[in-house]
Amino acid sequence: MTSPPTSLPETGQVGGGDAKHMTVWEHLAELRRRILVSFVAVGVGAVVAYIAWPLIIDVITGPYCRTETDCTLYATDPLAPFTIRLQVAVYGGIILAMPVLLWQVWRFVTPGLHAHERRYAVPFVAAALLLFAAGATLAYFAIGPALEFLFAVAGDDVTQIPTVDRYLILTMWMMLAFGVGFEFPVLLVALQLVGILEPRQLAGARRYAAVAIVVVAAIITPSGDPITLLVLAVPMYLLYEASILIGWLVARRRRRNAESVPLAGG
């Protein structure tokens, strides 16, 4: 009876020929280390956001003050200001730590890539940061129209008393949700790089992707209004199409590189 190959534990590798071989336990250890670094980065960012509370609240209340002449926010609980400051610090910490978080994601994926594909590290992180910033900025400017819609739905007979905890959490969550939503194409491109997805699979799933994007946008937008949903869903679908195009370009380059290897050897 023959014994199994000794290299069997290393078959968990994802990617191509010159990528580093890693066992399942090595992958788990690497994931644990990346998560630990990410938590530390978020903690440091949260401390910075807690200290910068006056600046943050001035910026966040901008859309509301442009909508209402009296932009006073109320606290109905003595503990609310302190609690909301901690919550905003956590959200702010995630936003400030986003460069580190994205780099950790890339470093975790890197062992599954070819050596010539690892040079995409800087473009990957840069594109992810730009898309996150674009999503957060879009959310910031979408808050005003969303508030106007929600106030109009309530009607003139309803007097709204905006509380600081509700408004700030709504704003920070929307900015974070939009930023993460805009990371969608970066994830799809990364999955195509490591060979988990192919462009033709994404192209064939367009109808399902459109429905899924609308559902996800409806879930992650806390206001629940149709304006915010469309503002998030439309760019996400356009970015989905962009990820397919990038995947086709990457696949074509891979085919060209594969065809040039025999010629170089001959």
Protein backbone atom coordinates (compact mmCIF):
# COMPACT_ATOMS: atom_id res chain seq x y z
CA MET A 1 0.00 0.00 0.00
CA THR A 2 1.59 3.26 -1.10
CA SER A 3 1.87 6.22 1.23
CA PRO A 4 0.23 9.57 0.28
CA PRO A 5 2.40 12.33 -1.13
CA THR A 6 4.19 14.35 1.52
CA SER A 7 3.30 17.63 -0.24
CA LEU A 8 -0.43 17.13 0.29
CA PRO A 9 -0.78 19.67 3.17
CA GLU A 10 0.48 22.40 0.87
CA THR A 11 -2.27 21.99 -1.70
CA GLY A 12 -4.19 24.79 -0.02
CA GLN A 13 -2.19 27.24 -2.08
CA VAL A 14 -4.20 29.55 -4.29
CA GLY A 15 -2.52 31.01 -7.32
CA GLY A 16 0.15 30.15 -9.78
CA GLY A 17 3.55 28.60 -10.13
CA ASP A 18 5.99 30.93 -8.39
CA ALA A 19 3.68 31.84 -5.52
CA LYS A 20 4.77 30.90 -2.02
CA HIS A 21 3.50 27.54 -0.77
CA MET A 22 1.60 27.81 2.52
CA THR A 23 -0.18 25.17 4.58
CA VAL A 24 -3.68 25.68 5.94
CA TRP A 25 -2.29 26.36 9.42
CA GLU A 26 0.14 28.91 8.00
CA HIS A 27 -2.78 30.64 6.28
CA LEU A 28 -4.69 30.77 9.58
CA ALA A 29 -1.67 32.12 11.43
CA GLU A 30 -1.18 34.76 8.76
CA LEU A 31 -4.88 35.71 8.96
CA ARG A 32 -4.63 36.02 12.74
CA ARG A 33 -1.63 38.31 12.46
CA ARG A 34 -3.32 40.52 9.86
CA ILE A 35 -6.46 40.81 12.01
CA LEU A 36 -4.39 41.73 15.07
CA VAL A 37 -2.57 44.48 13.18
CA SER A 38 -5.90 45.76 11.86
CA PHE A 39 -7.38 45.94 15.36
CA VAL A 40 -4.37 47.89 16.62
CA ALA A 41 -4.65 50.32 13.69
CA VAL A 42 -8.37 50.85 14.36
CA GLY A 43 -7.60 51.44 18.05
CA VAL A 44 -5.01 54.09 17.26
CA GLY A 45 -7.38 55.72 14.78
CA ALA A 46 -10.17 55.71 17.38
CA VAL A 47 -7.94 57.56 19.86
CA VAL A 48 -7.14 60.19 17.22
CA ALA A 49 -10.84 60.52 16.33
CA TYR A 50 -11.78 60.87 20.01
CA ILE A 51 -9.30 63.72 20.44
CA ALA A 52 -10.46 65.38 17.20
CA TRP A 53 -14.12 65.30 18.30
CA PRO A 54 -14.72 69.09 17.91
CA LEU A 55 -13.48 69.07 14.32
CA ILE A 56 -15.40 65.90 13.45
CA ILE A 57 -18.72 67.14 14.79
CA ASP A 58 -18.33 70.45 12.90
CA VAL A 59 -17.81 68.56 9.65
CA ILE A 60 -20.53 65.98 10.21
CA THR A 61 -23.22 68.51 11.11
CA GLY A 62 -22.55 70.41 7.87
CA PRO A 63 -25.27 68.69 5.77
CA TYR A 64 -27.88 69.13 8.50
CA CYS A 65 -27.04 72.81 9.01
CA ARG A 66 -27.37 73.38 5.26
CA THR A 67 -30.82 71.78 5.37
CA GLU A 68 -32.22 73.45 8.50
CA THR A 69 -31.84 77.07 9.61
CA ASP A 70 -31.66 75.91 13.23
CA CYS A 71 -29.09 73.14 13.23
CA THR A 72 -29.26 72.43 16.95
CA LEU A 73 -28.95 68.78 17.91
CA TYR A 74 -30.45 67.62 21.20
CA ALA A 75 -29.44 65.03 23.76
CA THR A 76 -32.25 63.28 25.64
CA ASP A 77 -29.92 61.37 27.95
CA PRO A 78 -27.07 62.76 30.11
CA LEU A 79 -24.87 59.88 28.97
CA ALA A 80 -25.67 60.36 25.28
CA PRO A 81 -22.88 62.86 24.47
CA PHE A 82 -20.20 60.62 25.96
CA THR A 83 -21.62 57.46 24.39
CA ILE A 84 -21.93 59.05 20.97
CA ARG A 85 -18.40 60.40 21.21
CA LEU A 86 -17.13 56.87 21.79
CA GLN A 87 -19.19 55.50 18.91
CA VAL A 88 -18.04 58.22 16.53
CA ALA A 89 -14.45 57.55 17.66
CA VAL A 90 -14.84 53.88 16.63
CA TYR A 91 -16.28 54.78 13.23
CA GLY A 92 -13.62 57.43 12.78
CA GLY A 93 -10.95 54.94 13.79
CA ILE A 94 -12.07 52.54 11.06
CA ILE A 95 -12.00 55.33 8.49
CA LEU A 96 -8.57 56.59 9.57
CA ALA A 97 -7.17 53.06 9.68
CA MET A 98 -8.46 52.21 6.21
CA PRO A 99 -4.98 52.43 4.54
CA VAL A 100 -3.63 49.89 7.04
CA LEU A 101 -6.70 47.66 6.71
CA LEU A 102 -6.45 47.59 2.93
CA TRP A 103 -2.72 46.89 3.07
CA GLN A 104 -3.32 43.96 5.43
CA VAL A 105 -5.90 42.55 3.02
CA TRP A 106 -3.43 42.83 0.18
CA ARG A 107 -0.61 41.23 2.16
CA PHE A 108 -2.88 38.32 3.04
CA VAL A 109 -3.76 37.80 -0.64
CA THR A 110 -0.17 38.26 -1.89
CA PRO A 111 1.04 34.66 -1.24
CA GLY A 112 -1.55 33.47 -3.75
CA LEU A 113 -0.21 35.64 -6.56
CA HIS A 114 2.58 35.26 -9.07
CA ALA A 115 5.70 37.30 -8.45
CA HIS A 116 4.98 39.64 -11.37
CA GLU A 117 1.44 40.22 -10.01
CA ARG A 118 2.66 41.38 -6.60
CA ARG A 119 3.72 44.68 -8.11
CA TYR A 120 0.02 45.57 -8.13
CA ALA A 121 0.25 46.26 -4.38
CA VAL A 122 0.53 50.04 -4.61
CA PRO A 123 -2.13 50.43 -7.35
CA PHE A 124 -4.43 48.08 -5.43
CA VAL A 125 -4.20 50.03 -2.16
CA ALA A 126 -4.29 53.40 -3.93
CA ALA A 127 -7.39 52.47 -5.94
CA ALA A 128 -9.09 51.08 -2.82
CA LEU A 129 -8.35 54.26 -0.85
CA LEU A 130 -9.59 56.50 -3.66
CA LEU A 131 -12.79 54.48 -4.02
CA PHE A 132 -13.38 54.50 -0.26
CA ALA A 133 -12.85 58.26 -0.14
CA ALA A 134 -15.16 58.70 -3.15
CA GLY A 135 -17.88 56.62 -1.50
CA ALA A 136 -17.61 58.46 1.83
CA THR A 137 -17.66 61.84 0.06
CA LEU A 138 -20.71 60.83 -1.99
CA ALA A 139 -22.50 59.78 1.20
CA TYR A 140 -21.64 63.09 2.85
CA PHE A 141 -23.25 65.08 0.04
CA ALA A 142 -26.19 62.66 -0.20
CA ILE A 143 -27.16 63.19 3.44
CA GLY A 144 -28.69 66.62 2.73
CA PRO A 145 -31.12 65.44 0.00
CA ALA A 146 -31.94 62.36 2.07
CA LEU A 147 -32.83 64.52 5.08
CA GLU A 148 -34.97 66.79 2.93
CA PHE A 149 -36.85 63.77 1.60
CA LEU A 150 -37.38 62.35 5.09
CA PHE A 151 -38.53 65.70 6.47
CA ALA A 152 -40.94 66.12 3.54
CA VAL A 153 -42.42 62.67 4.11
CA ALA A 154 -43.14 63.56 7.75
CA GLY A 155 -45.15 66.61 6.66
CA ASP A 156 -45.68 70.01 8.28
CA ASP A 157 -47.83 68.63 11.08
CA VAL A 158 -44.92 66.66 12.54
CA THR A 159 -42.28 68.51 14.56
CA GLN A 160 -39.00 66.64 14.45
CA ILE A 161 -36.50 66.88 17.29
CA PRO A 162 -33.17 65.61 15.94
CA THR A 163 -30.98 64.02 18.57
CA VAL A 164 -27.22 64.08 18.43
CA ASP A 165 -26.85 60.31 18.76
CA ARG A 166 -29.30 59.49 15.96
CA TYR A 167 -27.93 62.02 13.52
CA LEU A 168 -24.22 61.40 14.07
CA ILE A 169 -24.54 57.63 13.91
CA LEU A 170 -26.66 57.96 10.75
CA THR A 171 -24.03 60.17 9.11
CA MET A 172 -20.99 58.14 10.14
CA TRP A 173 -22.68 54.85 9.21
CA MET A 174 -23.68 56.18 5.81
CA MET A 175 -20.14 57.39 5.07
CA LEU A 176 -18.67 54.08 6.20
CA ALA A 177 -21.28 52.04 4.31
CA PHE A 178 -20.76 53.98 1.08
CA GLY A 179 -16.99 53.72 1.41
CA VAL A 180 -17.11 49.97 1.96
CA GLY A 181 -19.65 49.58 -0.84
CA PHE A 182 -17.27 51.26 -3.25
CA GLU A 183 -14.63 48.65 -2.35
CA PHE A 184 -16.78 46.05 -4.12
CA PRO A 185 -14.94 46.21 -7.47
CA VAL A 186 -11.54 46.03 -5.78
CA LEU A 187 -12.59 42.78 -4.14
CA LEU A 188 -13.82 41.40 -7.45
CA VAL A 189 -10.56 42.31 -9.20
CA ALA A 190 -8.56 40.68 -6.38
CA LEU A 191 -10.62 37.48 -6.68
CA GLN A 192 -9.95 37.46 -10.42
CA LEU A 193 -6.23 37.91 -9.83
CA VAL A 194 -6.04 34.87 -7.57
CA GLY A 195 -8.13 32.80 -9.98
CA ILE A 196 -11.23 32.35 -7.82
CA LEU A 197 -13.43 34.24 -10.30
CA GLU A 198 -13.25 34.76 -14.05
CA PRO A 199 -14.53 37.73 -16.07
CA ARG A 200 -16.95 35.56 -18.03
CA GLN A 201 -18.52 34.40 -14.75
CA LEU A 202 -19.10 37.98 -13.63
CA ALA A 203 -20.40 38.96 -17.07
CA GLY A 204 -22.86 36.07 -17.04
CA ALA A 205 -24.15 37.04 -13.60
CA ARG A 206 -25.01 40.66 -14.47
CA ARG A 207 -28.75 40.30 -13.80
CA TYR A 208 -28.21 38.60 -10.46
CA ALA A 209 -25.52 41.13 -9.57
CA ALA A 210 -27.87 44.04 -10.27
CA VAL A 211 -30.51 42.61 -7.96
CA ALA A 212 -27.93 41.77 -5.29
CA ILE A 213 -26.46 45.27 -5.44
CA VAL A 214 -29.89 46.85 -4.91
CA VAL A 215 -30.57 44.52 -1.97
CA VAL A 216 -27.17 45.20 -0.40
CA ALA A 217 -27.59 48.95 -0.91
CA ALA A 218 -30.99 48.80 0.77
CA ILE A 219 -29.53 46.90 3.72
CA ILE A 220 -26.44 49.02 4.37
CA THR A 221 -28.12 52.42 3.93
CA PRO A 222 -29.49 53.27 7.38
CA SER A 223 -31.87 56.02 6.24
CA GLY A 224 -33.87 53.62 4.04
CA ASP A 225 -34.94 56.33 1.62
CA PRO A 226 -34.96 55.69 -2.16
CA ILE A 227 -32.65 58.63 -2.91
CA THR A 228 -29.80 57.21 -0.83
CA LEU A 229 -30.42 53.72 -2.22
CA LEU A 230 -30.10 54.90 -5.82
CA VAL A 231 -27.10 57.10 -5.06
CA LEU A 232 -25.28 54.01 -3.77
CA ALA A 233 -26.66 51.28 -6.07
CA VAL A 234 -26.00 53.00 -9.42
CA PRO A 235 -22.26 53.66 -8.83
CA MET A 236 -21.85 50.16 -7.38
CA TYR A 237 -23.22 48.58 -10.55
CA LEU A 238 -21.03 50.78 -12.75
CA LEU A 239 -18.04 49.72 -10.68
CA TYR A 240 -19.13 46.10 -11.13
CA GLU A 241 -18.93 46.58 -14.89
CA ALA A 242 -15.52 48.23 -14.48
CA SER A 243 -14.25 45.22 -12.53
CA ILE A 244 -15.28 42.94 -15.42
CA LEU A 245 -13.38 45.12 -17.88
CA ILE A 246 -10.27 45.10 -15.69
CA GLY A 247 -10.58 41.32 -15.36
CA TRP A 248 -10.65 40.91 -19.15
CA LEU A 249 -7.53 43.09 -19.47
CA VAL A 250 -5.69 41.09 -16.81
CA ALA A 251 -6.71 37.79 -18.41
CA ARG A 252 -5.53 38.97 -21.83
CA ARG A 253 -2.16 40.01 -20.42
CA ARG A 254 -1.80 36.62 -18.76
CA ARG A 255 -2.48 34.87 -22.06
CA ARG A 256 0.10 37.02 -23.81
CA ASN A 257 2.69 36.28 -21.12
CA ALA A 258 1.94 32.56 -21.34
CA GLU A 259 2.34 32.60 -25.11
CA SER A 260 5.64 34.49 -24.95
CA VAL A 261 7.29 32.01 -22.55
CA PRO A 262 7.82 29.20 -25.12
CA LEU A 263 9.11 31.71 -27.63
CA ALA A 264 11.62 33.01 -25.13
CA GLY A 265 12.72 29.50 -24.26
CA GLY A 266 13.10 28.50 -27.88
